[in-house]
Amino acid sequence: MRQPLIKFTASLFLLVIIGWLLFIGRSLIIPLIIALVLWYIINSMSSALRHLPVIGTYLPKPLTIIMALIVIFYVIGILFNIVSVNLQQLAFDAPTYQGRLDEILLKFAEQLHMEKPLQLSDILPNFSLSAALSTGASVLTSLAGSGSLVFIYVLFMIFEAATFDRKLAALFEDSDRAQLAFAIREEIGRRMRHYMGIKTGVSVLTGLLTYGITTWAGLPYAALFGFIAFLLNYIPTIGSLIAVIFPSLLSLVYFDSLSPFIAITLGLGAVQFVLGNLIEPRLMGTQLNISPLVIMISLSFWGALWGVIGMVLCVPLVVLAIIICAQFPSSRPIAILLSGDGNVGEPINLDR
């Protein structure tokens, strides 16, 4: 009786320590995680370039790596410039929009014959549009500040990639355990490619449709809202909701009539519903198999630890945990609890 209690207490203490380290070390860990994602994208692009018809066979790997590296960071630079310009303009116009929203609430209160005029502070006591935009700008500035660290991480990962397999094999004295480690890595890579490929494709389509709808309606900052919709699509559940609310609220205070507000809200809502609830699940199939409750808990946990980056990474991290835990008898119950239907497949068999 005493032994299991000691093990449970020690495990709980270890989890608390790990969570504390992840929180206080987030300024170093988050750039490392971003660099890992970029390194993965660069390798995928490099592989795609080498498989191009006709010219692909003549492209050496170092050249394709350099080409992919330049393209990735060039695109990031363009996106950062577009978002920062739009965000600065929106922050400049924020007091006007907030005043316009107060006027709408005042008219609404008069129509309901309310004794006290209704203000935004009554509905959201701690909300300030200017403060929210300032927070967004500070997040953007923080990401830009860590850009050089991310770039250095990516370079070192590219240099280390050539010797990583030899190092991983040397970690295990037993060749079977080394083969199992490689097999688990391949399974993780396969699942992540499946998830990230589909999620990125759907996110790009969501961003383009959001940009198209807001541009068609005449709403300013269409490029910013398109990028926000693209990014928020990686955040389960609440991301899609926020991507609809922001442009809808702006349309409410920007236009004099309710027609554009209704059109934008219905249009963006339809995009999120069709892509998020019909197309994406059909494309994903049963590859993820994660409990919705686990996704929400993971979203809250990683969001509290790492903010927006943690929310984006919450699903891949759960997938990673399920794959690894499913391979060992002692941790297999954890994988079953994290899964959607309890079916986590058979452990990897090296004899097959």
Protein backbone atom coordinates (compact mmCIF):
# COMPACT_ATOMS: atom_id res chain seq x y z
CA MET A 1 0.00 0.00 0.00
CA ARG A 2 2.82 2.36 0.90
CA GLN A 3 4.91 1.62 -2.21
CA PRO A 4 2.22 2.66 -4.78
CA LEU A 5 1.55 5.83 -2.76
CA ILE A 6 5.23 6.75 -2.87
CA LYS A 7 5.36 6.13 -6.64
CA PHE A 8 2.24 8.23 -7.19
CA THR A 9 3.59 11.10 -5.07
CA ALA A 10 6.96 10.99 -6.84
CA SER A 11 5.29 10.96 -10.28
CA LEU A 12 3.04 13.88 -9.34
CA PHE A 13 6.00 15.84 -8.01
CA LEU A 14 7.95 15.12 -11.22
CA LEU A 15 5.04 16.34 -13.37
CA VAL A 16 4.82 19.57 -11.36
CA ILE A 17 8.57 20.16 -11.75
CA ILE A 18 8.40 19.51 -15.52
CA GLY A 19 5.44 21.89 -15.88
CA TRP A 20 7.26 24.56 -13.88
CA LEU A 21 10.40 24.18 -16.04
CA LEU A 22 8.32 24.37 -19.23
CA PHE A 23 6.73 27.60 -17.97
CA ILE A 24 9.84 29.44 -16.78
CA GLY A 25 11.86 28.25 -19.79
CA ARG A 26 9.26 29.18 -22.40
CA SER A 27 11.36 32.06 -23.77
CA LEU A 28 13.98 29.51 -24.86
CA ILE A 29 11.74 26.50 -25.52
CA ILE A 30 9.18 28.24 -27.78
CA PRO A 31 11.81 29.45 -30.31
CA LEU A 32 13.21 25.90 -30.29
CA ILE A 33 9.77 24.44 -31.04
CA ILE A 34 9.21 26.98 -33.84
CA ALA A 35 12.64 26.11 -35.24
CA LEU A 36 11.75 22.39 -35.20
CA VAL A 37 8.58 23.10 -37.18
CA LEU A 38 10.48 25.25 -39.69
CA TRP A 39 13.21 22.62 -39.98
CA TYR A 40 10.58 20.01 -40.75
CA ILE A 41 8.99 22.26 -43.41
CA ILE A 42 12.39 23.00 -44.95
CA ASN A 43 13.22 19.29 -45.17
CA SER A 44 9.82 18.56 -46.74
CA MET A 45 10.31 21.33 -49.32
CA SER A 46 13.84 20.10 -50.04
CA SER A 47 12.54 16.59 -50.66
CA ALA A 48 9.77 17.93 -52.92
CA LEU A 49 12.30 19.91 -54.98
CA ARG A 50 14.49 16.84 -55.48
CA HIS A 51 11.47 14.89 -56.73
CA LEU A 52 10.53 17.47 -59.37
CA PRO A 53 10.28 16.00 -62.87
CA VAL A 54 13.32 16.45 -65.14
CA ILE A 55 15.34 18.91 -63.01
CA GLY A 56 14.82 17.26 -59.62
CA THR A 57 17.48 14.58 -60.13
CA TYR A 58 20.10 17.26 -60.91
CA LEU A 59 19.50 19.23 -57.72
CA PRO A 60 21.88 18.28 -54.87
CA LYS A 61 20.43 18.16 -51.36
CA PRO A 62 22.49 21.08 -49.96
CA LEU A 63 21.23 23.33 -52.78
CA THR A 64 17.57 22.38 -52.20
CA ILE A 65 18.01 22.98 -48.45
CA ILE A 66 19.37 26.49 -49.13
CA MET A 67 16.56 27.21 -51.61
CA ALA A 68 13.91 26.06 -49.14
CA LEU A 69 15.52 28.07 -46.32
CA ILE A 70 15.49 31.26 -48.41
CA VAL A 71 11.88 30.75 -49.53
CA ILE A 72 10.59 30.04 -46.00
CA PHE A 73 12.19 33.05 -44.34
CA TYR A 74 11.33 35.32 -47.29
CA VAL A 75 7.65 34.35 -47.01
CA ILE A 76 7.76 34.85 -43.23
CA GLY A 77 9.25 38.32 -43.76
CA ILE A 78 6.50 39.29 -46.22
CA LEU A 79 3.75 38.01 -43.90
CA PHE A 80 5.26 39.80 -40.91
CA ASN A 81 5.40 43.07 -42.86
CA ILE A 82 1.76 42.77 -44.02
CA VAL A 83 0.48 41.90 -40.54
CA SER A 84 2.51 44.58 -38.74
CA VAL A 85 1.36 47.36 -41.12
CA ASN A 86 -2.31 46.33 -40.82
CA LEU A 87 -2.05 45.92 -37.05
CA GLN A 88 -0.48 49.37 -36.60
CA GLN A 89 -3.24 50.98 -38.69
CA LEU A 90 -5.92 49.09 -36.78
CA ALA A 91 -4.41 50.18 -33.46
CA PHE A 92 -4.43 53.80 -34.70
CA ASP A 93 -8.12 53.55 -35.65
CA ALA A 94 -9.13 51.58 -32.53
CA PRO A 95 -10.42 54.54 -30.45
CA THR A 96 -12.72 55.54 -33.33
CA TYR A 97 -14.14 52.03 -33.62
CA GLN A 98 -14.59 51.72 -29.86
CA GLY A 99 -16.45 55.03 -29.78
CA ARG A 100 -18.64 53.88 -32.65
CA LEU A 101 -19.43 50.66 -30.75
CA ASP A 102 -20.43 52.68 -27.68
CA GLU A 103 -22.81 54.70 -29.89
CA ILE A 104 -24.43 51.51 -31.20
CA LEU A 105 -24.87 50.21 -27.65
CA LEU A 106 -26.37 53.55 -26.59
CA LYS A 107 -28.95 53.40 -29.41
CA PHE A 108 -29.71 49.81 -28.49
CA ALA A 109 -30.29 50.81 -24.85
CA GLU A 110 -32.60 53.66 -25.93
CA GLN A 111 -34.69 51.29 -28.06
CA LEU A 112 -35.12 49.01 -25.04
CA HIS A 113 -35.94 52.04 -22.83
CA MET A 114 -33.13 51.23 -20.43
CA GLU A 115 -32.60 53.82 -17.69
CA LYS A 116 -28.82 53.52 -17.71
CA PRO A 117 -27.00 53.83 -21.06
CA LEU A 118 -25.37 50.56 -22.09
CA GLN A 119 -21.60 50.69 -22.67
CA LEU A 120 -19.00 48.18 -23.74
CA SER A 121 -17.48 48.31 -20.26
CA ASP A 122 -20.79 47.04 -18.83
CA ILE A 123 -20.71 43.93 -21.04
CA LEU A 124 -16.94 43.34 -20.91
CA PRO A 125 -15.63 45.15 -17.80
CA ASN A 126 -11.97 44.37 -18.40
CA PHE A 127 -11.97 44.66 -22.20
CA SER A 128 -10.24 47.44 -24.11
CA LEU A 129 -9.84 47.27 -27.87
CA SER A 130 -6.68 49.37 -27.73
CA ALA A 131 -5.23 47.15 -25.01
CA ALA A 132 -6.09 44.01 -26.98
CA LEU A 133 -4.37 45.38 -30.08
CA SER A 134 -1.38 46.44 -27.99
CA THR A 135 -1.15 42.88 -26.70
CA GLY A 136 -1.24 41.58 -30.27
CA ALA A 137 1.49 44.03 -31.26
CA SER A 138 3.63 42.97 -28.30
CA VAL A 139 3.25 39.29 -29.27
CA LEU A 140 4.30 40.17 -32.82
CA THR A 141 7.28 42.14 -31.52
CA SER A 142 8.27 39.26 -29.25
CA LEU A 143 8.16 36.81 -32.17
CA ALA A 144 10.23 39.17 -34.29
CA GLY A 145 12.74 39.54 -31.47
CA SER A 146 13.18 35.77 -31.24
CA GLY A 147 13.48 35.48 -35.03
CA SER A 148 17.28 35.57 -34.96
CA LEU A 149 17.36 32.85 -32.30
CA VAL A 150 14.96 30.72 -34.37
CA PHE A 151 17.16 31.20 -37.45
CA ILE A 152 20.26 30.09 -35.53
CA TYR A 153 18.42 27.03 -34.19
CA VAL A 154 17.32 26.09 -37.72
CA LEU A 155 20.86 26.39 -39.08
CA PHE A 156 22.29 24.15 -36.37
CA MET A 157 19.51 21.60 -36.89
CA ILE A 158 20.34 21.48 -40.60
CA PHE A 159 24.03 20.93 -39.82
CA GLU A 160 23.25 18.25 -37.19
CA ALA A 161 20.77 16.35 -39.39
CA ALA A 162 23.53 14.46 -41.22
CA THR A 163 24.80 12.80 -38.02
CA PHE A 164 21.55 12.49 -36.06
CA ASP A 165 20.78 8.90 -37.15
CA ARG A 166 24.23 7.70 -36.08
CA LYS A 167 23.84 9.40 -32.70
CA LEU A 168 20.38 7.91 -32.17
CA ALA A 169 21.63 4.41 -33.01
CA ALA A 170 24.60 4.84 -30.65
CA LEU A 171 22.26 5.64 -27.75
CA PHE A 172 21.10 2.01 -27.60
CA GLU A 173 23.32 -0.97 -26.90
CA ASP A 174 20.60 -3.30 -28.16
CA SER A 175 20.09 -3.04 -31.92
CA ASP A 176 16.43 -4.07 -31.58
CA ARG A 177 15.73 -1.12 -29.30
CA ALA A 178 17.49 1.18 -31.75
CA GLN A 179 15.32 -0.16 -34.59
CA LEU A 180 12.23 0.38 -32.43
CA ALA A 181 13.29 4.00 -31.82
CA PHE A 182 13.69 4.54 -35.57
CA ALA A 183 10.33 2.88 -36.25
CA ILE A 184 8.59 5.10 -33.66
CA ARG A 185 10.23 8.15 -35.22
CA GLU A 186 8.99 7.13 -38.67
CA GLU A 187 5.45 6.61 -37.34
CA ILE A 188 5.53 10.02 -35.65
CA GLY A 189 6.77 11.59 -38.88
CA ARG A 190 4.06 9.87 -40.93
CA ARG A 191 1.25 10.99 -38.59
CA MET A 192 2.62 14.52 -38.34
CA ARG A 193 2.97 14.84 -42.12
CA HIS A 194 -0.62 13.68 -42.50
CA TYR A 195 -1.93 16.10 -39.86
CA MET A 196 0.19 19.13 -40.80
CA GLY A 197 -0.33 18.67 -44.54
CA ILE A 198 -4.13 18.58 -44.29
CA LYS A 199 -4.31 21.21 -41.55
CA THR A 200 -2.07 23.61 -43.45
CA GLY A 201 -4.02 23.12 -46.68
CA VAL A 202 -7.34 23.75 -44.93
CA SER A 203 -5.86 26.73 -43.05
CA VAL A 204 -4.59 28.31 -46.28
CA LEU A 205 -8.01 27.84 -47.89
CA THR A 206 -9.68 29.32 -44.80
CA GLY A 207 -7.39 32.35 -44.90
CA LEU A 208 -7.95 32.93 -48.63
CA LEU A 209 -11.74 32.64 -48.32
CA THR A 210 -11.73 34.98 -45.30
CA TYR A 211 -9.66 37.48 -47.28
CA GLY A 212 -12.01 37.14 -50.25
CA ILE A 213 -15.21 37.62 -48.22
CA THR A 214 -13.93 40.63 -46.26
CA THR A 215 -12.54 42.23 -49.45
CA TRP A 216 -15.83 41.64 -51.29
CA ALA A 217 -17.74 43.25 -48.41
CA GLY A 218 -15.41 46.28 -48.43
CA LEU A 219 -14.05 45.69 -44.92
CA PRO A 220 -10.56 47.10 -44.27
CA TYR A 221 -7.64 45.00 -43.00
CA ALA A 222 -8.71 42.03 -45.15
CA ALA A 223 -5.12 40.73 -45.35
CA LEU A 224 -4.81 40.85 -41.57
CA PHE A 225 -8.07 38.97 -41.05
CA GLY A 226 -7.05 36.39 -43.65
CA PHE A 227 -3.76 35.75 -41.85
CA ILE A 228 -5.51 35.60 -38.46
CA ALA A 229 -7.99 33.04 -39.85
CA PHE A 230 -5.08 31.00 -41.25
CA LEU A 231 -3.24 30.99 -37.93
CA LEU A 232 -6.29 30.46 -35.70
CA ASN A 233 -7.39 27.45 -37.74
CA TYR A 234 -4.57 25.51 -36.04
CA ILE A 235 -6.23 26.17 -32.66
CA PRO A 236 -9.03 23.64 -32.04
CA THR A 237 -12.60 24.84 -31.46
CA ILE A 238 -12.05 28.38 -30.18
CA GLY A 239 -9.78 29.39 -33.06
CA SER A 240 -12.56 29.17 -35.63
CA LEU A 241 -14.92 31.10 -33.35
CA ILE A 242 -12.45 33.96 -32.84
CA ALA A 243 -11.70 34.09 -36.58
CA VAL A 244 -15.39 34.86 -37.20
CA ILE A 245 -15.94 37.23 -34.26
CA PHE A 246 -13.12 39.73 -34.99
CA PRO A 247 -14.08 40.76 -38.56
CA SER A 248 -17.79 40.55 -37.71
CA LEU A 249 -17.42 43.01 -34.82
CA LEU A 250 -15.39 45.38 -36.98
CA SER A 251 -18.04 45.26 -39.72
CA LEU A 252 -20.67 46.14 -37.10
CA VAL A 253 -18.93 49.42 -36.25
CA TYR A 254 -17.44 50.17 -39.69
CA PHE A 255 -20.62 50.08 -41.79
CA ASP A 256 -23.75 52.17 -41.22
CA SER A 257 -26.16 49.29 -41.92
CA LEU A 258 -26.47 45.76 -40.58
CA SER A 259 -26.44 44.11 -44.01
CA PRO A 260 -22.61 43.86 -44.34
CA PHE A 261 -22.38 42.60 -40.74
CA ILE A 262 -24.93 39.84 -41.44
CA ALA A 263 -23.28 38.93 -44.76
CA ILE A 264 -19.77 38.74 -43.27
CA THR A 265 -20.90 36.80 -40.19
CA LEU A 266 -22.88 34.26 -42.21
CA GLY A 267 -20.19 33.98 -44.89
CA LEU A 268 -17.30 33.43 -42.48
CA GLY A 269 -19.43 31.14 -40.31
CA ALA A 270 -20.29 29.02 -43.35
CA VAL A 271 -16.60 28.80 -44.33
CA GLN A 272 -15.59 27.66 -40.84
CA PHE A 273 -18.46 25.16 -40.61
CA VAL A 274 -17.93 23.56 -44.03
CA LEU A 275 -14.14 23.37 -43.83
CA GLY A 276 -13.88 22.56 -40.12
CA ASN A 277 -16.79 20.14 -39.71
CA LEU A 278 -17.24 18.54 -43.13
CA ILE A 279 -14.11 18.69 -45.29
CA GLU A 280 -11.29 18.50 -42.72
CA PRO A 281 -12.67 15.51 -40.72
CA ARG A 282 -13.24 13.61 -43.98
CA LEU A 283 -9.65 14.27 -45.07
CA MET A 284 -8.19 13.48 -41.64
CA GLY A 285 -10.07 10.18 -41.34
CA THR A 286 -9.22 8.21 -38.20
CA GLN A 287 -5.53 9.14 -38.17
CA LEU A 288 -5.79 11.42 -35.13
CA ASN A 289 -8.27 9.51 -32.95
CA ILE A 290 -8.07 11.94 -30.02
CA SER A 291 -10.76 12.39 -27.38
CA PRO A 292 -12.46 15.82 -27.73
CA LEU A 293 -12.23 16.25 -23.96
CA VAL A 294 -8.48 15.58 -24.10
CA ILE A 295 -8.13 18.19 -26.86
CA MET A 296 -9.88 20.82 -24.71
CA ILE A 297 -7.79 19.95 -21.64
CA SER A 298 -4.61 20.02 -23.74
CA LEU A 299 -5.68 23.35 -25.26
CA SER A 300 -6.16 24.87 -21.81
CA PHE A 301 -2.95 23.39 -20.40
CA TRP A 302 -0.57 24.33 -23.23
CA GLY A 303 -2.32 27.67 -23.71
CA ALA A 304 -1.68 28.51 -20.05
CA LEU A 305 1.97 27.44 -20.38
CA TRP A 306 2.95 28.87 -23.77
CA GLY A 307 0.10 31.12 -24.89
CA VAL A 308 -0.95 31.08 -28.55
CA ILE A 309 2.00 28.88 -29.58
CA GLY A 310 0.93 26.30 -26.99
CA MET A 311 -2.63 26.32 -28.35
CA VAL A 312 -1.33 25.71 -31.87
CA LEU A 313 0.86 22.82 -30.70
CA CYS A 314 -1.66 21.15 -28.37
CA VAL A 315 -2.96 18.60 -30.92
CA PRO A 316 0.47 17.53 -32.31
CA LEU A 317 1.74 17.08 -28.75
CA VAL A 318 -1.20 14.80 -27.86
CA VAL A 319 -0.62 12.78 -31.06
CA LEU A 320 3.04 12.46 -30.07
CA ALA A 321 2.09 11.24 -26.59
CA ILE A 322 -0.39 8.66 -27.95
CA ILE A 323 2.12 7.20 -30.44
CA ILE A 324 4.90 6.85 -27.86
CA CYS A 325 2.72 5.61 -24.99
CA ALA A 326 1.03 3.01 -27.22
CA GLN A 327 4.34 1.20 -27.82
CA PHE A 328 5.02 0.11 -24.23
CA PRO A 329 2.83 -2.05 -21.94
CA SER A 330 3.36 0.19 -18.90
CA SER A 331 2.23 3.37 -20.68
CA ARG A 332 -0.34 1.86 -23.07
CA PRO A 333 -3.29 2.67 -20.71
CA ILE A 334 -2.36 6.36 -21.00
CA ALA A 335 -2.57 6.16 -24.80
CA ILE A 336 -5.97 4.45 -24.55
CA LEU A 337 -7.30 7.20 -22.25
CA LEU A 338 -6.04 9.93 -24.58
CA SER A 339 -7.55 8.31 -27.68
CA GLY A 340 -11.03 8.93 -29.02
CA ASP A 341 -12.33 5.35 -29.12
CA GLY A 342 -9.71 3.38 -27.17
CA ASN A 343 -8.23 1.83 -30.32
CA VAL A 344 -4.57 2.83 -30.47
CA GLY A 345 -3.48 -0.01 -32.73
CA GLU A 346 -0.93 -2.69 -32.07
CA PRO A 347 2.58 -1.83 -30.89
CA ILE A 348 5.13 -1.54 -33.68
CA ASN A 349 6.34 -5.01 -34.66
CA LEU A 350 9.86 -5.01 -36.08
CA ASP A 351 9.39 -8.49 -37.56
CA ARG A 352 6.73 -7.34 -40.02
